[in-house]
Protein backbone atom coordinates (compact mmCIF):
# COMPACT_ATOMS: atom_id res chain seq x y z
CA UNK A 1 -9.57 20.99 85.56
CA UNK A 2 -7.07 18.53 86.97
CA UNK A 3 -3.29 20.02 86.89
CA UNK A 4 -0.98 18.35 84.31
CA UNK A 5 1.95 16.31 85.36
CA UNK A 6 5.51 17.69 84.73
CA UNK A 7 5.67 15.36 81.78
CA UNK A 8 2.49 16.55 80.18
CA UNK A 9 3.56 20.19 80.81
CA UNK A 10 6.81 19.51 79.17
CA UNK A 11 5.26 18.04 76.33
CA UNK A 12 2.73 20.71 75.80
CA UNK A 13 5.65 23.34 76.06
CA UNK A 14 7.48 21.66 73.28
CA UNK A 15 4.22 21.36 71.17
CA UNK A 16 3.57 25.09 71.70
CA UNK A 17 6.86 26.15 70.82
CA UNK A 18 6.71 24.03 67.80
CA UNK A 19 3.76 25.65 66.74
CA UNK A 20 5.32 29.23 67.00
CA UNK A 21 8.44 28.15 65.06
CA UNK A 22 6.47 26.56 62.24
CA UNK A 23 3.98 29.45 62.19
CA UNK A 24 6.81 32.10 62.37
CA UNK A 25 8.36 30.35 59.23
CA UNK A 26 4.91 30.60 57.14
CA UNK A 27 3.57 34.04 58.60
CA UNK A 28 6.44 35.65 60.25
CA UNK A 29 7.69 36.01 63.77
CA UNK A 30 5.74 39.20 64.59
CA UNK A 31 2.36 36.91 64.42
CA UNK A 32 4.07 33.97 65.73
CA UNK A 33 6.36 35.48 68.55
CA UNK A 34 7.91 32.36 70.38
CA UNK A 35 10.08 35.19 72.27
CA UNK A 36 7.00 36.63 73.86
CA UNK A 37 5.55 33.26 74.82
CA UNK A 38 8.89 32.40 76.49
CA UNK A 39 8.79 35.77 78.30
CA UNK A 40 5.23 34.92 79.54
CA UNK A 41 6.25 31.47 80.54
CA UNK A 42 9.43 32.83 82.54
CA UNK A 43 7.11 35.20 84.06
CA UNK A 44 4.55 32.54 85.09
CA UNK A 45 7.25 30.61 86.63
CA UNK A 46 8.41 33.48 88.65
CA UNK A 47 4.91 34.22 89.99
CA UNK A 48 4.34 30.61 90.66
CA UNK A 49 1.42 30.62 88.44
CA UNK A 50 -0.46 27.44 87.84
CA UNK A 51 1.33 26.00 84.74
CA UNK A 52 -1.77 24.09 83.67
CA UNK A 53 -3.92 27.23 83.66
CA UNK A 54 -1.25 29.10 81.90
CA UNK A 55 -0.72 26.49 79.15
CA UNK A 56 -4.69 26.46 78.69
CA UNK A 57 -4.58 30.26 78.04
CA UNK A 58 -1.49 29.90 75.76
CA UNK A 59 -3.30 27.39 73.67
CA UNK A 60 -6.23 29.48 73.55
CA UNK A 61 -3.86 32.28 72.20
CA UNK A 62 -2.54 30.14 69.50
CA UNK A 63 -6.18 29.33 68.40
CA UNK A 64 -6.97 32.90 68.41
CA UNK A 65 -4.06 33.52 66.09
CA UNK A 66 -5.19 30.67 63.77
CA UNK A 67 -8.66 32.08 63.67
CA UNK A 68 -7.62 35.46 62.90
CA UNK A 69 -5.21 34.05 60.01
CA UNK A 70 -8.29 32.15 58.72
CA UNK A 71 -10.33 35.07 58.78
CA UNK A 72 -7.81 37.23 56.84
CA UNK A 73 -7.42 34.33 54.30
CA UNK A 74 -11.22 34.11 53.87
CA UNK A 75 -11.28 38.03 53.37
CA UNK A 76 -8.50 37.95 51.07
CA UNK A 77 -10.16 35.20 49.02
CA UNK A 78 -13.20 37.13 49.08
CA UNK A 79 -11.62 40.39 47.95
CA UNK A 80 -9.70 38.44 45.21
CA UNK A 81 -12.85 36.93 43.99
CA UNK A 82 -14.56 40.50 43.77
CA UNK A 83 -11.57 41.85 42.01
CA UNK A 84 -11.79 38.86 39.49
CA UNK A 85 -15.21 39.21 38.98
CA UNK A 86 -14.90 43.04 38.42
CA UNK A 87 -12.09 42.40 35.86
CA UNK A 88 -14.19 39.57 34.19
CA UNK A 89 -17.16 42.07 34.04
CA UNK A 90 -14.73 44.62 32.81
CA UNK A 91 -13.20 42.47 30.09
CA UNK A 92 -16.58 41.42 28.95
CA UNK A 93 -17.73 45.01 28.80
CA UNK A 94 -14.89 45.56 26.69
CA UNK A 95 -15.61 42.52 24.50
CA UNK A 96 -19.33 43.54 24.15
CA UNK A 97 -18.11 47.16 22.99
CA UNK A 98 -15.56 45.67 20.67
CA UNK A 99 -18.33 43.34 19.16
CA UNK A 100 -20.75 46.61 19.05
CA UNK A 101 -18.05 48.54 17.49
CA UNK A 102 -17.27 45.85 14.98
CA UNK A 103 -20.83 45.27 14.24
CA UNK A 104 -21.23 49.10 13.46
CA UNK A 105 -18.32 49.19 11.40
CA UNK A 106 -19.20 46.33 9.04
CA UNK A 107 -22.94 47.25 9.00
CA UNK A 108 -22.05 50.39 7.32
CA UNK A 109 -21.47 48.39 4.13
CA UNK A 110 -24.26 47.18 1.88
CA UNK A 111 -25.94 43.89 2.90
CA UNK A 112 -25.95 41.19 0.10
CA UNK A 113 -28.30 38.09 1.66
CA UNK A 114 -26.67 34.84 0.32
CA UNK A 115 -28.35 32.33 2.53
CA UNK A 116 -30.96 32.38 5.47
CA UNK A 117 -28.23 31.04 7.78
CA UNK A 118 -25.55 33.12 6.54
CA UNK A 119 -23.50 35.53 9.25
CA UNK A 120 -24.41 39.09 8.78
CA UNK A 121 -20.43 39.81 8.56
CA UNK A 122 -19.97 37.49 5.57
CA UNK A 123 -23.13 39.27 4.00
CA UNK A 124 -21.77 42.68 4.65
CA UNK A 125 -18.44 41.62 3.14
CA UNK A 126 -20.06 40.45 0.00
CA UNK A 127 -22.02 43.70 -0.28
CA UNK A 128 -18.59 45.73 0.35
CA UNK A 129 -16.91 43.94 -2.44
CA UNK A 130 -19.68 44.65 -4.81
CA UNK A 131 -19.33 48.29 -3.82
CA UNK A 132 -15.53 48.43 -4.00
CA UNK A 133 -16.05 46.89 -7.60
CA UNK A 134 -18.40 49.95 -8.47
CA UNK A 135 -15.77 52.26 -7.27
CA UNK A 136 -13.15 50.31 -9.18
CA UNK A 137 -15.21 50.38 -12.28
CA UNK A 138 -14.87 54.21 -12.46
CA UNK A 139 -11.12 53.91 -12.43
CA UNK A 140 -11.36 51.48 -15.04
CA UNK A 141 -13.60 53.63 -16.95
CA UNK A 142 -11.25 56.63 -17.18
CA UNK A 143 -8.03 54.68 -17.11
CA UNK A 144 -8.38 52.21 -20.00
CA UNK A 145 -8.75 53.76 -23.41
CA UNK A 146 -6.86 54.69 -26.74
CA UNK A 147 -4.27 56.82 -24.64
CA UNK A 148 -3.96 54.39 -21.63
CA UNK A 149 -0.67 53.02 -20.54
CA UNK A 150 -0.01 49.46 -21.12
CA UNK A 151 1.10 48.82 -17.68
CA UNK A 152 -1.99 50.49 -16.37
CA UNK A 153 -4.45 48.72 -18.51
CA UNK A 154 -2.99 45.46 -18.06
CA UNK A 155 -3.11 45.85 -14.06
CA UNK A 156 -6.70 47.15 -14.36
CA UNK A 157 -7.73 44.30 -16.51
CA UNK A 158 -6.04 41.85 -14.27
CA UNK A 159 -7.73 43.05 -11.13
CA UNK A 160 -11.17 43.42 -12.96
CA UNK A 161 -10.94 39.64 -13.67
CA UNK A 162 -9.83 38.94 -9.96
CA UNK A 163 -12.65 40.70 -8.72
CA UNK A 164 -15.22 38.42 -10.44
CA UNK A 165 -14.71 35.63 -7.88
CA UNK A 166 -15.89 37.94 -5.11
CA UNK A 167 -18.99 39.53 -7.12
CA UNK A 168 -20.27 37.44 -9.98
CA UNK A 169 -22.86 34.72 -8.89
CA UNK A 170 -22.19 31.16 -10.28
CA UNK A 171 -23.60 27.82 -10.14
CA UNK A 172 -26.72 26.76 -8.59
CA UNK A 173 -25.94 28.59 -5.36
CA UNK A 174 -26.11 31.82 -7.31
CA UNK A 175 -23.28 33.31 -5.21
CA UNK A 176 -19.78 34.24 -6.03
CA UNK A 177 -17.20 31.65 -6.33
CA UNK A 178 -15.29 32.85 -2.96
CA UNK A 179 -18.62 32.26 -1.03
CA UNK A 180 -19.71 28.87 -2.77
CA UNK A 181 -18.08 26.55 -0.17
CA UNK A 182 -19.51 28.63 2.60
CA UNK A 183 -23.08 28.48 1.22
CA UNK A 184 -22.73 24.59 0.64
CA UNK A 185 -21.66 24.10 4.30
CA UNK A 186 -24.83 25.96 5.44
CA UNK A 187 -27.03 23.99 3.02
CA UNK A 188 -25.68 20.72 4.63
CA UNK A 189 -25.82 22.05 8.21
CA UNK A 190 -22.07 21.64 8.55
CA UNK A 191 -19.66 23.87 10.60
CA UNK A 192 -19.00 26.95 8.50
CA UNK A 193 -16.22 28.40 10.52
CA UNK A 194 -13.52 27.03 8.09
CA UNK A 195 -15.30 28.41 4.96
CA UNK A 196 -15.66 31.61 6.81
CA UNK A 197 -11.91 31.69 7.55
CA UNK A 198 -11.34 31.08 3.84
CA UNK A 199 -13.43 33.82 2.77
CA UNK A 200 -11.65 36.17 5.31
CA UNK A 201 -8.25 34.96 4.25
CA UNK A 202 -8.80 35.24 0.40
CA UNK A 203 -10.55 38.73 0.92
CA UNK A 204 -7.59 40.05 2.75
CA UNK A 205 -5.11 38.52 0.39
CA UNK A 206 -7.08 40.19 -2.42
CA UNK A 207 -7.48 43.49 -0.75
CA UNK A 208 -3.93 44.00 0.18
CA UNK A 209 -2.69 43.12 -3.24
CA UNK A 210 -5.22 45.37 -4.94
CA UNK A 211 -4.27 48.39 -2.57
CA UNK A 212 -0.61 47.82 -3.39
CA UNK A 213 -1.01 47.59 -7.11
CA UNK A 214 -3.44 50.57 -7.57
CA UNK A 215 -1.13 52.61 -5.40
CA UNK A 216 1.90 51.68 -7.58
CA UNK A 217 0.07 52.65 -10.83
CA UNK A 218 -1.79 55.70 -9.36
CA UNK A 219 0.56 58.46 -11.17
CA UNK A 220 0.65 56.53 -14.40
CA UNK A 221 -3.12 55.94 -14.45
CA UNK A 222 -3.88 59.70 -13.65
CA UNK A 223 -1.39 60.72 -16.27
CA UNK A 224 -2.55 58.58 -19.00
CA UNK A 225 -6.10 59.14 -18.73
CA UNK A 226 -7.73 61.92 -20.73
CA UNK A 227 -8.37 65.26 -19.41
CA UNK A 228 -11.49 67.08 -18.68
CA UNK A 229 -14.43 66.32 -16.42
CA UNK A 230 -15.51 62.67 -15.81
CA UNK A 231 -19.14 61.87 -16.88
CA UNK A 232 -20.16 59.04 -14.68
CA UNK A 233 -21.65 56.27 -16.65
CA UNK A 234 -25.58 56.00 -16.12
CA UNK A 235 -25.46 52.34 -15.25
CA UNK A 236 -23.41 53.25 -11.89
CA UNK A 237 -26.30 55.14 -10.56
CA UNK A 238 -28.56 51.95 -11.01
CA UNK A 239 -25.96 49.49 -9.73
CA UNK A 240 -24.53 51.73 -6.83
CA UNK A 241 -26.39 54.97 -6.28
CA UNK A 242 -23.99 55.59 -3.15
CA UNK A 243 -21.03 55.47 -5.19
CA UNK A 244 -22.52 57.43 -8.12
CA UNK A 245 -23.51 60.14 -5.45
CA UNK A 246 -20.28 60.19 -3.73
CA UNK A 247 -18.14 60.18 -6.87
CA UNK A 248 -20.21 62.88 -8.82
CA UNK A 249 -18.46 66.08 -9.13
CA UNK A 250 -15.16 64.41 -7.85
CA UNK A 251 -11.77 64.72 -9.60
CA UNK A 252 -10.15 61.65 -10.97
CA UNK A 253 -7.57 61.71 -8.28
CA UNK A 254 -10.22 62.07 -5.63
CA UNK A 255 -12.12 58.99 -7.06
CA UNK A 256 -8.75 57.12 -7.28
CA UNK A 257 -8.02 57.67 -3.48
CA UNK A 258 -11.53 57.06 -2.38
CA UNK A 259 -11.16 53.53 -4.07
CA UNK A 260 -8.08 52.74 -2.17
CA UNK A 261 -9.44 54.35 1.07
CA UNK A 262 -12.40 52.02 0.54
CA UNK A 263 -10.27 48.94 0.27
CA UNK A 264 -8.30 50.26 3.43
CA UNK A 265 -11.52 50.64 5.38
CA UNK A 266 -12.60 46.96 4.50
CA UNK A 267 -9.38 45.56 5.74
CA UNK A 268 -9.80 47.52 9.14
CA UNK A 269 -13.50 46.99 9.59
CA UNK A 270 -13.55 43.08 8.91
CA UNK A 271 -10.18 42.66 10.55
CA UNK A 272 -8.35 41.45 7.67
CA UNK A 273 -4.76 42.94 8.63
CA UNK A 274 -2.96 39.82 9.19
CA UNK A 275 -4.21 38.11 5.71
CA UNK A 276 -1.38 39.41 3.77
CA UNK A 277 0.77 37.56 1.27
CA UNK A 278 4.31 38.63 0.87
CA UNK A 279 5.67 39.78 -2.35
CA UNK A 280 2.41 40.65 -3.89
């Protein structure tokens, strides 16, 4: 290779030093060590080394530095991609576990089919309300009567009425009022997400209010009810064998607490914690 002129040598020296300076700003002076280059250059001058060959070697050193940095960056990106993939897989596993856990939680409630396209969560929620009402009907059975407290009887009758929109089929759809818009959207092939959200919201509002009221009147209800063993009504064994079997032989307080616990479980299992009205 032909030797470089002094002008070309100076231009190349300037270019090399500039690359070292810029590289040092970005990657640090340990990687782009311009002082080390200057030492090698002085040594080359002292040894009367061919500067053209010297600069070719130095340019190769710079290229090797760039190649090393590129390889490091590619390795960093590869590791980052692997970590993100692992995080994504971990997250998806958690989501799958949550979905499976939620599915298991809601499936413990009775299933009430309301439409061929209805989501199982909504069908289980319907079944849960019917079973909760059967629990509540036992409270109503021993809380309301000739010796009942006026406050208790008023509250129980109020919530008995409120329950109806969750459990009594109405209209052509033959589903309770709270589920009627949902079934209507399914019949028409519309997006049912808004109707589902309405059901969950109203369910949460009702359950929180129900728990608060039943807890507030508990002592009055137990005090005012007649003494003696509770003989469960025969219709309960037909309507809800699970409730009948569970309540059989229980005390009034145990039945009362179990009803509140059931409502609380519904809130947790159907994720209704955030649906709560203040002041109710």
